[in-house]
Amino acid sequence: WPLFATLWLAPDLSMLGYLAGSRFGAIAYNTVHTTLGPAFLSVLALLVPSHTMLAIALLWANHIGVDRVLGFGLKSAEGFKFTHLN
């Protein structure tokens, strides 16, 4: 369970990009919180094949989905509170 929790929360480390400014923070956050990353990793996991990579891709996609449900959308360079959902 600790590994599960660590991997599930790992995409939120991209918020540290905001320490370098709101523009860089938004780019870092949005890069990690789009579905392109988990989709690419899923395809790679199926080609290799790797159950571990597939599990990580699914956790990552789940994290993104839960963020959207909770109202945390992709960020704007204006600041962390400005998202594509509002």
PDB file of N, CA and C in Angstrom:
ATOM      1  N   TRP A   1       0.804  -1.208   0.000  1.00  0.00           N
ATOM      2  CA  TRP A   1       0.000   0.000   0.000  1.00  0.00           C
ATOM      3  C   TRP A   1       0.844   1.268   0.000  1.00  0.00           C
ATOM      4  N   PRO A   2       1.956   1.295   0.714  1.00  0.00           N
ATOM      5  CA  PRO A   2       2.772   2.516   0.651  1.00  0.00           C
ATOM      6  C   PRO A   2       3.276   2.814  -0.768  1.00  0.00           C
ATOM      7  N   LEU A   3       3.648   1.764  -1.505  1.00  0.00           N
ATOM      8  CA  LEU A   3       4.089   1.967  -2.887  1.00  0.00           C
ATOM      9  C   LEU A   3       2.948   2.479  -3.750  1.00  0.00           C
ATOM     10  N   PHE A   4       1.752   1.893  -3.548  1.00  0.00           N
ATOM     11  CA  PHE A   4       0.572   2.350  -4.276  1.00  0.00           C
ATOM     12  C   PHE A   4       0.316   3.832  -4.028  1.00  0.00           C
ATOM     13  N   ALA A   5       0.310   4.233  -2.767  1.00  0.00           N
ATOM     14  CA  ALA A   5       0.063   5.631  -2.419  1.00  0.00           C
ATOM     15  C   ALA A   5       1.140   6.546  -2.991  1.00  0.00           C
ATOM     16  N   THR A   6       2.382   6.113  -2.931  1.00  0.00           N
ATOM     17  CA  THR A   6       3.485   6.920  -3.465  1.00  0.00           C
ATOM     18  C   THR A   6       3.339   7.116  -4.960  1.00  0.00           C
ATOM     19  N   LEU A   7       3.065   6.035  -5.672  1.00  0.00           N
ATOM     20  CA  LEU A   7       2.912   6.139  -7.126  1.00  0.00           C
ATOM     21  C   LEU A   7       1.679   6.946  -7.503  1.00  0.00           C
ATOM     22  N   TRP A   8       0.602   6.813  -6.737  1.00  0.00           N
ATOM     23  CA  TRP A   8      -0.622   7.536  -7.064  1.00  0.00           C
ATOM     24  C   TRP A   8      -0.442   9.042  -6.858  1.00  0.00           C
ATOM     25  N   LEU A   9       0.329   9.418  -5.856  1.00  0.00           N
ATOM     26  CA  LEU A   9       0.542  10.840  -5.571  1.00  0.00           C
ATOM     27  C   LEU A   9       1.710  11.451  -6.348  1.00  0.00           C
ATOM     28  N   ALA A  10       2.529  10.637  -6.970  1.00  0.00           N
ATOM     29  CA  ALA A  10       3.734  11.118  -7.663  1.00  0.00           C
ATOM     30  C   ALA A  10       3.467  12.217  -8.691  1.00  0.00           C
ATOM     31  N   PRO A  11       2.381  12.159  -9.485  1.00  0.00           N
ATOM     32  CA  PRO A  11       2.166  13.253 -10.447  1.00  0.00           C
ATOM     33  C   PRO A  11       2.035  14.638  -9.809  1.00  0.00           C
ATOM     34  N   ASP A  12       1.630  14.679  -8.554  1.00  0.00           N
ATOM     35  CA  ASP A  12       1.480  15.978  -7.891  1.00  0.00           C
ATOM     36  C   ASP A  12       2.814  16.632  -7.546  1.00  0.00           C
ATOM     37  N   LEU A  13       3.894  15.898  -7.655  1.00  0.00           N
ATOM     38  CA  LEU A  13       5.213  16.505  -7.470  1.00  0.00           C
ATOM     39  C   LEU A  13       5.486  17.565  -8.531  1.00  0.00           C
ATOM     40  N   SER A  14       4.757  17.490  -9.638  1.00  0.00           N
ATOM     41  CA  SER A  14       4.929  18.494 -10.690  1.00  0.00           C
ATOM     42  C   SER A  14       4.533  19.889 -10.217  1.00  0.00           C
ATOM     43  N   MET A  15       3.792  19.979  -9.119  1.00  0.00           N
ATOM     44  CA  MET A  15       3.426  21.295  -8.568  1.00  0.00           C
ATOM     45  C   MET A  15       4.646  22.048  -8.063  1.00  0.00           C
ATOM     46  N   LEU A  16       5.732  21.330  -7.819  1.00  0.00           N
ATOM     47  CA  LEU A  16       6.963  22.000  -7.390  1.00  0.00           C
ATOM     48  C   LEU A  16       7.483  22.952  -8.460  1.00  0.00           C
ATOM     49  N   GLY A  17       7.049  22.763  -9.698  1.00  0.00           N
ATOM     50  CA  GLY A  17       7.428  23.670 -10.774  1.00  0.00           C
ATOM     51  C   GLY A  17       6.981  25.097 -10.518  1.00  0.00           C
ATOM     52  N   TYR A  18       5.958  25.268  -9.683  1.00  0.00           N
ATOM     53  CA  TYR A  18       5.483  26.614  -9.352  1.00  0.00           C
ATOM     54  C   TYR A  18       6.516  27.400  -8.548  1.00  0.00           C
ATOM     55  N   LEU A  19       7.495  26.714  -7.992  1.00  0.00           N
ATOM     56  CA  LEU A  19       8.571  27.429  -7.293  1.00  0.00           C
ATOM     57  C   LEU A  19       9.415  28.246  -8.262  1.00  0.00           C
ATOM     58  N   ALA A  20       9.385  27.863  -9.544  1.00  0.00           N
ATOM     59  CA  ALA A  20      10.132  28.590 -10.580  1.00  0.00           C
ATOM     60  C   ALA A  20       9.260  29.617 -11.285  1.00  0.00           C
ATOM     61  N   GLY A  21       8.031  29.791 -10.841  1.00  0.00           N
ATOM     62  CA  GLY A  21       7.129  30.768 -11.441  1.00  0.00           C
ATOM     63  C   GLY A  21       5.865  30.108 -11.941  1.00  0.00           C
ATOM     64  N   SER A  22       4.824  30.921 -12.130  1.00  0.00           N
ATOM     65  CA  SER A  22       3.522  30.361 -12.505  1.00  0.00           C
ATOM     66  C   SER A  22       3.518  29.790 -13.919  1.00  0.00           C
ATOM     67  N   ARG A  23       4.249  30.403 -14.844  1.00  0.00           N
ATOM     68  CA  ARG A  23       4.286  29.874 -16.215  1.00  0.00           C
ATOM     69  C   ARG A  23       4.964  28.508 -16.247  1.00  0.00           C
ATOM     70  N   PHE A  24       6.130  28.394 -15.633  1.00  0.00           N
ATOM     71  CA  PHE A  24       6.849  27.118 -15.615  1.00  0.00           C
ATOM     72  C   PHE A  24       6.056  26.076 -14.837  1.00  0.00           C
ATOM     73  N   GLY A  25       5.437  26.497 -13.741  1.00  0.00           N
ATOM     74  CA  GLY A  25       4.632  25.588 -12.937  1.00  0.00           C
ATOM     75  C   GLY A  25       3.456  25.018 -13.715  1.00  0.00           C
ATOM     76  N   ALA A  26       2.788  25.882 -14.476  1.00  0.00           N
ATOM     77  CA  ALA A  26       1.656  25.427 -15.284  1.00  0.00           C
ATOM     78  C   ALA A  26       2.115  24.439 -16.353  1.00  0.00           C
ATOM     79  N   ILE A  27       3.246  24.710 -16.981  1.00  0.00           N
ATOM     80  CA  ILE A  27       3.769  23.794 -18.003  1.00  0.00           C
ATOM     81  C   ILE A  27       4.118  22.448 -17.377  1.00  0.00           C
ATOM     82  N   ALA A  28       4.791  22.466 -16.233  1.00  0.00           N
ATOM     83  CA  ALA A  28       5.177  21.225 -15.563  1.00  0.00           C
ATOM     84  C   ALA A  28       3.940  20.433 -15.136  1.00  0.00           C
ATOM     85  N   TYR A  29       2.990  21.108 -14.521  1.00  0.00           N
ATOM     86  CA  TYR A  29       1.771  20.448 -14.049  1.00  0.00           C
ATOM     87  C   TYR A  29       0.982  19.864 -15.216  1.00  0.00           C
ATOM     88  N   ASN A  30       0.778  20.661 -16.254  1.00  0.00           N
ATOM     89  CA  ASN A  30      -0.015  20.216 -17.391  1.00  0.00           C
ATOM     90  C   ASN A  30       0.647  19.073 -18.151  1.00  0.00           C
ATOM     91  N   THR A  31       1.970  19.083 -18.219  1.00  0.00           N
ATOM     92  CA  THR A  31       2.682  18.003 -18.898  1.00  0.00           C
ATOM     93  C   THR A  31       2.416  16.664 -18.221  1.00  0.00           C
ATOM     94  N   VAL A  32       2.381  16.667 -16.912  1.00  0.00           N
ATOM     95  CA  VAL A  32       2.188  15.426 -16.155  1.00  0.00           C
ATOM     96  C   VAL A  32       0.712  15.075 -16.005  1.00  0.00           C
ATOM     97  N   HIS A  33      -0.180  16.052 -16.126  1.00  0.00           N
ATOM     98  CA  HIS A  33      -1.601  15.819 -15.902  1.00  0.00           C
ATOM     99  C   HIS A  33      -2.421  15.774 -17.187  1.00  0.00           C
ATOM    100  N   THR A  34      -1.807  15.375 -18.288  1.00  0.00           N
ATOM    101  CA  THR A  34      -2.560  15.094 -19.510  1.00  0.00           C
ATOM    102  C   THR A  34      -2.551  13.593 -19.723  1.00  0.00           C
ATOM    103  N   THR A  35      -3.521  13.089 -20.443  1.00  0.00           N
ATOM    104  CA  THR A  35      -3.638  11.641 -20.623  1.00  0.00           C
ATOM    105  C   THR A  35      -2.666  11.084 -21.654  1.00  0.00           C
ATOM    106  N   LEU A  36      -1.928  11.926 -22.328  1.00  0.00           N
ATOM    107  CA  LEU A  36      -0.965  11.449 -23.322  1.00  0.00           C
ATOM    108  C   LEU A  36       0.132  10.589 -22.683  1.00  0.00           C
ATOM    109  N   GLY A  37       0.632  10.981 -21.524  1.00  0.00           N
ATOM    110  CA  GLY A  37       1.682  10.230 -20.833  1.00  0.00           C
ATOM    111  C   GLY A  37       1.252   8.815 -20.473  1.00  0.00           C
ATOM    112  N   PRO A  38       0.132   8.651 -19.754  1.00  0.00           N
ATOM    113  CA  PRO A  38      -0.306   7.299 -19.421  1.00  0.00           C
ATOM    114  C   PRO A  38      -0.681   6.475 -20.661  1.00  0.00           C
ATOM    115  N   ALA A  39      -1.220   7.124 -21.690  1.00  0.00           N
ATOM    116  CA  ALA A  39      -1.562   6.398 -22.913  1.00  0.00           C
ATOM    117  C   ALA A  39      -0.297   5.851 -23.571  1.00  0.00           C
ATOM    118  N   PHE A  40       0.726   6.685 -23.681  1.00  0.00           N
ATOM    119  CA  PHE A  40       1.994   6.251 -24.264  1.00  0.00           C
ATOM    120  C   PHE A  40       2.609   5.117 -23.440  1.00  0.00           C
ATOM    121  N   LEU A  41       2.606   5.268 -22.129  1.00  0.00           N
ATOM    122  CA  LEU A  41       3.175   4.239 -21.255  1.00  0.00           C
ATOM    123  C   LEU A  41       2.390   2.928 -21.360  1.00  0.00           C
ATOM    124  N   SER A  42       1.075   3.013 -21.520  1.00  0.00           N
ATOM    125  CA  SER A  42       0.249   1.813 -21.678  1.00  0.00           C
ATOM    126  C   SER A  42       0.600   1.060 -22.956  1.00  0.00           C
ATOM    127  N   VAL A  43       0.731   1.798 -24.037  1.00  0.00           N
ATOM    128  CA  VAL A  43       1.097   1.166 -25.308  1.00  0.00           C
ATOM    129  C   VAL A  43       2.477   0.534 -25.188  1.00  0.00           C
ATOM    130  N   LEU A  44       3.409   1.250 -24.606  1.00  0.00           N
ATOM    131  CA  LEU A  44       4.754   0.721 -24.417  1.00  0.00           C
ATOM    132  C   LEU A  44       4.729  -0.544 -23.555  1.00  0.00           C
ATOM    133  N   ALA A  45       3.914  -0.527 -22.508  1.00  0.00           N
ATOM    134  CA  ALA A  45       3.804  -1.685 -21.617  1.00  0.00           C
ATOM    135  C   ALA A  45       3.240  -2.899 -22.347  1.00  0.00           C
ATOM    136  N   LEU A  46       2.340  -2.661 -23.292  1.00  0.00           N
ATOM    137  CA  LEU A  46       1.782  -3.773 -24.055  1.00  0.00           C
ATOM    138  C   LEU A  46       2.766  -4.300 -25.090  1.00  0.00           C
ATOM    139  N   LEU A  47       3.615  -3.422 -25.618  1.00  0.00           N
ATOM    140  CA  LEU A  47       4.598  -3.840 -26.614  1.00  0.00           C
ATOM    141  C   LEU A  47       5.780  -4.578 -26.002  1.00  0.00           C
ATOM    142  N   VAL A  48       6.158  -4.197 -24.772  1.00  0.00           N
ATOM    143  CA  VAL A  48       7.388  -4.737 -24.173  1.00  0.00           C
ATOM    144  C   VAL A  48       7.284  -6.226 -23.826  1.00  0.00           C
ATOM    145  N   PRO A  49       6.391  -6.833 -23.236  1.00  0.00           N
ATOM    146  CA  PRO A  49       5.302  -6.482 -22.322  1.00  0.00           C
ATOM    147  C   PRO A  49       5.788  -6.343 -20.870  1.00  0.00           C
ATOM    148  N   SER A  50       5.113  -5.466 -20.138  1.00  0.00           N
ATOM    149  CA  SER A  50       5.503  -5.211 -18.754  1.00  0.00           C
ATOM    150  C   SER A  50       4.268  -4.929 -17.904  1.00  0.00           C
ATOM    151  N   HIS A  51       3.996  -5.812 -16.988  1.00  0.00           N
ATOM    152  CA  HIS A  51       2.854  -5.616 -16.082  1.00  0.00           C
ATOM    153  C   HIS A  51       3.093  -4.422 -15.164  1.00  0.00           C
ATOM    154  N   THR A  52       4.332  -4.197 -14.777  1.00  0.00           N
ATOM    155  CA  THR A  52       4.653  -3.082 -13.880  1.00  0.00           C
ATOM    156  C   THR A  52       4.381  -1.750 -14.569  1.00  0.00           C
ATOM    157  N   MET A  53       4.842  -1.602 -15.806  1.00  0.00           N
ATOM    158  CA  MET A  53       4.593  -0.354 -16.544  1.00  0.00           C
ATOM    159  C   MET A  53       3.103  -0.129 -16.756  1.00  0.00           C
ATOM    160  N   LEU A  54       2.377  -1.195 -17.051  1.00  0.00           N
ATOM    161  CA  LEU A  54       0.936  -1.071 -17.250  1.00  0.00           C
ATOM    162  C   LEU A  54       0.245  -0.639 -15.957  1.00  0.00           C
ATOM    163  N   ALA A  55       0.660  -1.199 -14.831  1.00  0.00           N
ATOM    164  CA  ALA A  55       0.075  -0.805 -13.544  1.00  0.00           C
ATOM    165  C   ALA A  55       0.355   0.667 -13.243  1.00  0.00           C
ATOM    166  N   ILE A  56       1.566   1.116 -13.526  1.00  0.00           N
ATOM    167  CA  ILE A  56       1.912   2.525 -13.306  1.00  0.00           C
ATOM    168  C   ILE A  56       1.083   3.424 -14.214  1.00  0.00           C
ATOM    169  N   ALA A  57       0.920   3.028 -15.481  1.00  0.00           N
ATOM    170  CA  ALA A  57       0.114   3.814 -16.416  1.00  0.00           C
ATOM    171  C   ALA A  57      -1.331   3.917 -15.952  1.00  0.00           C
ATOM    172  N   LEU A  58      -1.876   2.812 -15.447  1.00  0.00           N
ATOM    173  CA  LEU A  58      -3.260   2.834 -14.970  1.00  0.00           C
ATOM    174  C   LEU A  58      -3.420   3.688 -13.719  1.00  0.00           C
ATOM    175  N   LEU A  59      -2.458   3.612 -12.815  1.00  0.00           N
ATOM    176  CA  LEU A  59      -2.493   4.470 -11.620  1.00  0.00           C
ATOM    177  C   LEU A  59      -2.411   5.946 -12.009  1.00  0.00           C
ATOM    178  N   TRP A  60      -1.527   6.237 -12.954  1.00  0.00           N
ATOM    179  CA  TRP A  60      -1.345   7.611 -13.432  1.00  0.00           C
ATOM    180  C   TRP A  60      -2.644   8.125 -14.065  1.00  0.00           C
ATOM    181  N   ALA A  61      -3.258   7.317 -14.922  1.00  0.00           N
ATOM    182  CA  ALA A  61      -4.514   7.712 -15.559  1.00  0.00           C
ATOM    183  C   ALA A  61      -5.614   7.891 -14.517  1.00  0.00           C
ATOM    184  N   ASN A  62      -5.638   7.026 -13.514  1.00  0.00           N
ATOM    185  CA  ASN A  62      -6.622   7.152 -12.448  1.00  0.00           C
ATOM    186  C   ASN A  62      -6.429   8.449 -11.678  1.00  0.00           C
ATOM    187  N   HIS A  63      -5.181   8.799 -11.395  1.00  0.00           N
ATOM    188  CA  HIS A  63      -4.886  10.045 -10.696  1.00  0.00           C
ATOM    189  C   HIS A  63      -5.437  11.238 -11.483  1.00  0.00           C
ATOM    190  N   ILE A  64      -5.204  11.245 -12.780  1.00  0.00           N
ATOM    191  CA  ILE A  64      -5.673  12.343 -13.625  1.00  0.00           C
ATOM    192  C   ILE A  64      -7.202  12.404 -13.602  1.00  0.00           C
ATOM    193  N   GLY A  65      -7.854  11.246 -13.706  1.00  0.00           N
ATOM    194  CA  GLY A  65      -9.310  11.209 -13.685  1.00  0.00           C
ATOM    195  C   GLY A  65      -9.897  11.701 -12.374  1.00  0.00           C
ATOM    196  N   VAL A  66      -9.307  11.291 -11.270  1.00  0.00           N
ATOM    197  CA  VAL A  66      -9.788  11.747  -9.960  1.00  0.00           C
ATOM    198  C   VAL A  66      -9.588  13.252  -9.814  1.00  0.00           C
ATOM    199  N   ASP A  67      -8.454  13.756 -10.289  1.00  0.00           N
ATOM    200  CA  ASP A  67      -8.230  15.208 -10.253  1.00  0.00           C
ATOM    201  C   ASP A  67      -9.332  15.951 -11.004  1.00  0.00           C
ATOM    202  N   ARG A  68      -9.703  15.447 -12.172  1.00  0.00           N
ATOM    203  CA  ARG A  68     -10.751  16.108 -12.961  1.00  0.00           C
ATOM    204  C   ARG A  68     -12.094  16.068 -12.231  1.00  0.00           C
ATOM    205  N   VAL A  69     -12.417  14.922 -11.641  1.00  0.00           N
ATOM    206  CA  VAL A  69     -13.677  14.786 -10.910  1.00  0.00           C
ATOM    207  C   VAL A  69     -13.725  15.766  -9.741  1.00  0.00           C
ATOM    208  N   LEU A  70     -12.592  15.972  -9.092  1.00  0.00           N
ATOM    209  CA  LEU A  70     -12.533  16.890  -7.947  1.00  0.00           C
ATOM    210  C   LEU A  70     -12.411  18.350  -8.365  1.00  0.00           C
ATOM    211  N   GLY A  71     -12.341  18.614  -9.673  1.00  0.00           N
ATOM    212  CA  GLY A  71     -12.303  19.987 -10.164  1.00  0.00           C
ATOM    213  C   GLY A  71     -10.919  20.563 -10.369  1.00  0.00           C
ATOM    214  N   PHE A  72      -9.886  19.714 -10.314  1.00  0.00           N
ATOM    215  CA  PHE A  72      -8.522  20.189 -10.553  1.00  0.00           C
ATOM    216  C   PHE A  72      -8.188  19.972 -12.025  1.00  0.00           C
ATOM    217  N   GLY A  73      -8.353  21.026 -12.814  1.00  0.00           N
ATOM    218  CA  GLY A  73      -8.097  20.913 -14.244  1.00  0.00           C
ATOM    219  C   GLY A  73      -6.685  21.313 -14.606  1.00  0.00           C
ATOM    220  N   LEU A  74      -6.443  21.367 -15.906  1.00  0.00           N
ATOM    221  CA  LEU A  74      -5.152  21.833 -16.399  1.00  0.00           C
ATOM    222  C   LEU A  74      -4.994  23.301 -16.049  1.00  0.00           C
ATOM    223  N   LYS A  75      -3.788  23.685 -15.716  1.00  0.00           N
ATOM    224  CA  LYS A  75      -3.534  25.017 -15.171  1.00  0.00           C
ATOM    225  C   LYS A  75      -3.221  26.051 -16.247  1.00  0.00           C
ATOM    226  N   SER A  76      -3.515  27.291 -15.918  1.00  0.00           N
ATOM    227  CA  SER A  76      -3.201  28.429 -16.771  1.00  0.00           C
ATOM    228  C   SER A  76      -1.954  29.117 -16.227  1.00  0.00           C
ATOM    229  N   ALA A  77      -1.233  29.791 -17.085  1.00  0.00           N
ATOM    230  CA  ALA A  77      -0.029  30.511 -16.660  1.00  0.00           C
ATOM    231  C   ALA A  77      -0.374  31.676 -15.721  1.00  0.00           C
ATOM    232  N   GLU A  78      -1.643  32.025 -15.621  1.00  0.00           N
ATOM    233  CA  GLU A  78      -2.071  33.115 -14.733  1.00  0.00           C
ATOM    234  C   GLU A  78      -1.914  32.750 -13.259  1.00  0.00           C
ATOM    235  N   GLY A  79      -1.948  31.464 -12.943  1.00  0.00           N
ATOM    236  CA  GLY A  79      -1.812  31.033 -11.557  1.00  0.00           C
ATOM    237  C   GLY A  79      -2.421  29.668 -11.348  1.00  0.00           C
ATOM    238  N   PHE A  80      -2.125  29.061 -10.220  1.00  0.00           N
ATOM    239  CA  PHE A  80      -2.541  27.691  -9.931  1.00  0.00           C
ATOM    240  C   PHE A  80      -4.058  27.546  -9.883  1.00  0.00           C
ATOM    241  N   LYS A  81      -4.766  28.562  -9.441  1.00  0.00           N
ATOM    242  CA  LYS A  81      -6.214  28.461  -9.277  1.00  0.00           C
ATOM    243  C   LYS A  81      -6.989  28.596 -10.586  1.00  0.00           C
ATOM    244  N   PHE A  82      -6.311  29.015 -11.667  1.00  0.00           N
ATOM    245  CA  PHE A  82      -6.973  29.187 -12.956  1.00  0.00           C
ATOM    246  C   PHE A  82      -6.805  27.910 -13.779  1.00  0.00           C
ATOM    247  N   THR A  83      -7.940  27.237 -14.046  1.00  0.00           N
ATOM    248  CA  THR A  83      -7.871  25.961 -14.764  1.00  0.00           C
ATOM    249  C   THR A  83      -8.769  25.984 -15.995  1.00  0.00           C
ATOM    250  N   HIS A  84      -8.682  24.943 -16.793  1.00  0.00           N
ATOM    251  CA  HIS A  84      -9.527  24.841 -17.978  1.00  0.00           C
ATOM    252  C   HIS A  84     -10.969  24.468 -17.609  1.00  0.00           C
ATOM    253  N   LEU A  85     -11.215  24.163 -16.350  1.00  0.00           N
ATOM    254  CA  LEU A  85     -12.554  23.780 -15.920  1.00  0.00           C
ATOM    255  C   LEU A  85     -13.398  24.952 -15.430  1.00  0.00           C
ATOM    256  N   ASN A  86     -12.775  26.091 -15.192  1.00  0.00           N
ATOM    257  CA  ASN A  86     -13.576  27.224 -14.699  1.00  0.00           C
ATOM    258  C   ASN A  86     -13.377  28.446 -15.527  1.00  0.00           C
TER     259      ASN A  86
END
